[in-house]
């Protein structure tokens, strides 16, 4: 599948916590390492990260455990976002750890642009860097965009892998040389995300209190303005009013009643229709999204900005749920022929959920036909090729010098 290689690759993580980019990057690292032609390791700047009111510890994170199970060595600088560290500076001890880890590899793979502030530090080992970019709004990356541009200007940045065409366009417009930008579309493990038999689906619904004949909409997103959870809730109210058999399931960091912000939003949205709340199921972080999607008729995305190639749409669709999305990033490309695109109008979204569920049987063939397009095997091959080219390019520059 890949060209022969003995590349040693160090992935740089800001931290380990719930999120699509970390899921995808971990799939890449564990997959390439398991194939045996590349040796991967990982360095995390933080050992614990607070996101959406949750303090998430590295050792508890499923992505960390997947890497360790695959034989990938993972180290950390030991920071916590609850600490008083200056994010722009690093101690001598931290730099010693980072230098040791980077010295032993051929190329660095940075999960998003944030870890590049470490790479740009004086004295950091001179290794080619491949940045993995997963958004379509680099202007919201703050100082991290400057770090990316600094790495590009200094020659450290050998390539930037973009998960979507919208990502490539946005970062080119932000000043990253287009010659460095490579598009490798997102892929998923199709052996994990797939439809289940009717009997299994009925059993799963029963275990979660979802009626067999319900219309179930699944929402997988963290509680963040980018994901537009208030729009989702407004659409959910409209949907539940229209469909007496409708249910919605909300998954992700902050999507539980432990989050005061979500509790307030639920009260404001359903204040005069609290009877509808019995059909709203906040789940928080789920480790088994394939189960949620296999139960669902529709997978919904209501994001306002920032998305590139949302994994939830792909994962849900490959489990048999019809994807319905707002027009952000490459979402329209992803659902072309297998789902629906809406405006940011809550009533339109609700009506489209109902239509999508009604046409689920009609779209089953298209969803099945699309499976190979979203296979992670193609994605792994693309990443491997970019990493190999980055090292060959660095070697050529050394020879030329």
Foldseek 3Di string as FASTA:
>chain_A
DADQAAFEEEEEAQEADDDDLLVQVLCLQLVVVLVPRYAYAYEYAEQWEADLNDIRGRVPHPSNVSCVVSVHHYYYLHHYPPDDDDLLDDDPVSLVVQQVVVVPGAEYEYSAQSVLSSVPDPPRDQHAYEYEHFWLACVVVPCSLVSVVVCQVVVNHLAYEYQFPSNLVRNVVVPRPSVRYHYQHAFDALVQQAADDLVVLCVLCVVVVQHSPAAEEEEEDAPDQQQPVLLVLLLLVLLCVVDVRYAYEYEEANQDPVRVVVVVSNCVNCVVPVVSCVRYHRDYHDPRVSSVLNNHQEYETQGDGIGARDPSCLSSLNRQHAYEYEPYHCPCVVNVLRHYYDHSDSNRSSVRSVVSSVCSVVRRVVSVVCNVVRHCVSSSNVVSVSVVVSSVVVVVVVVVD
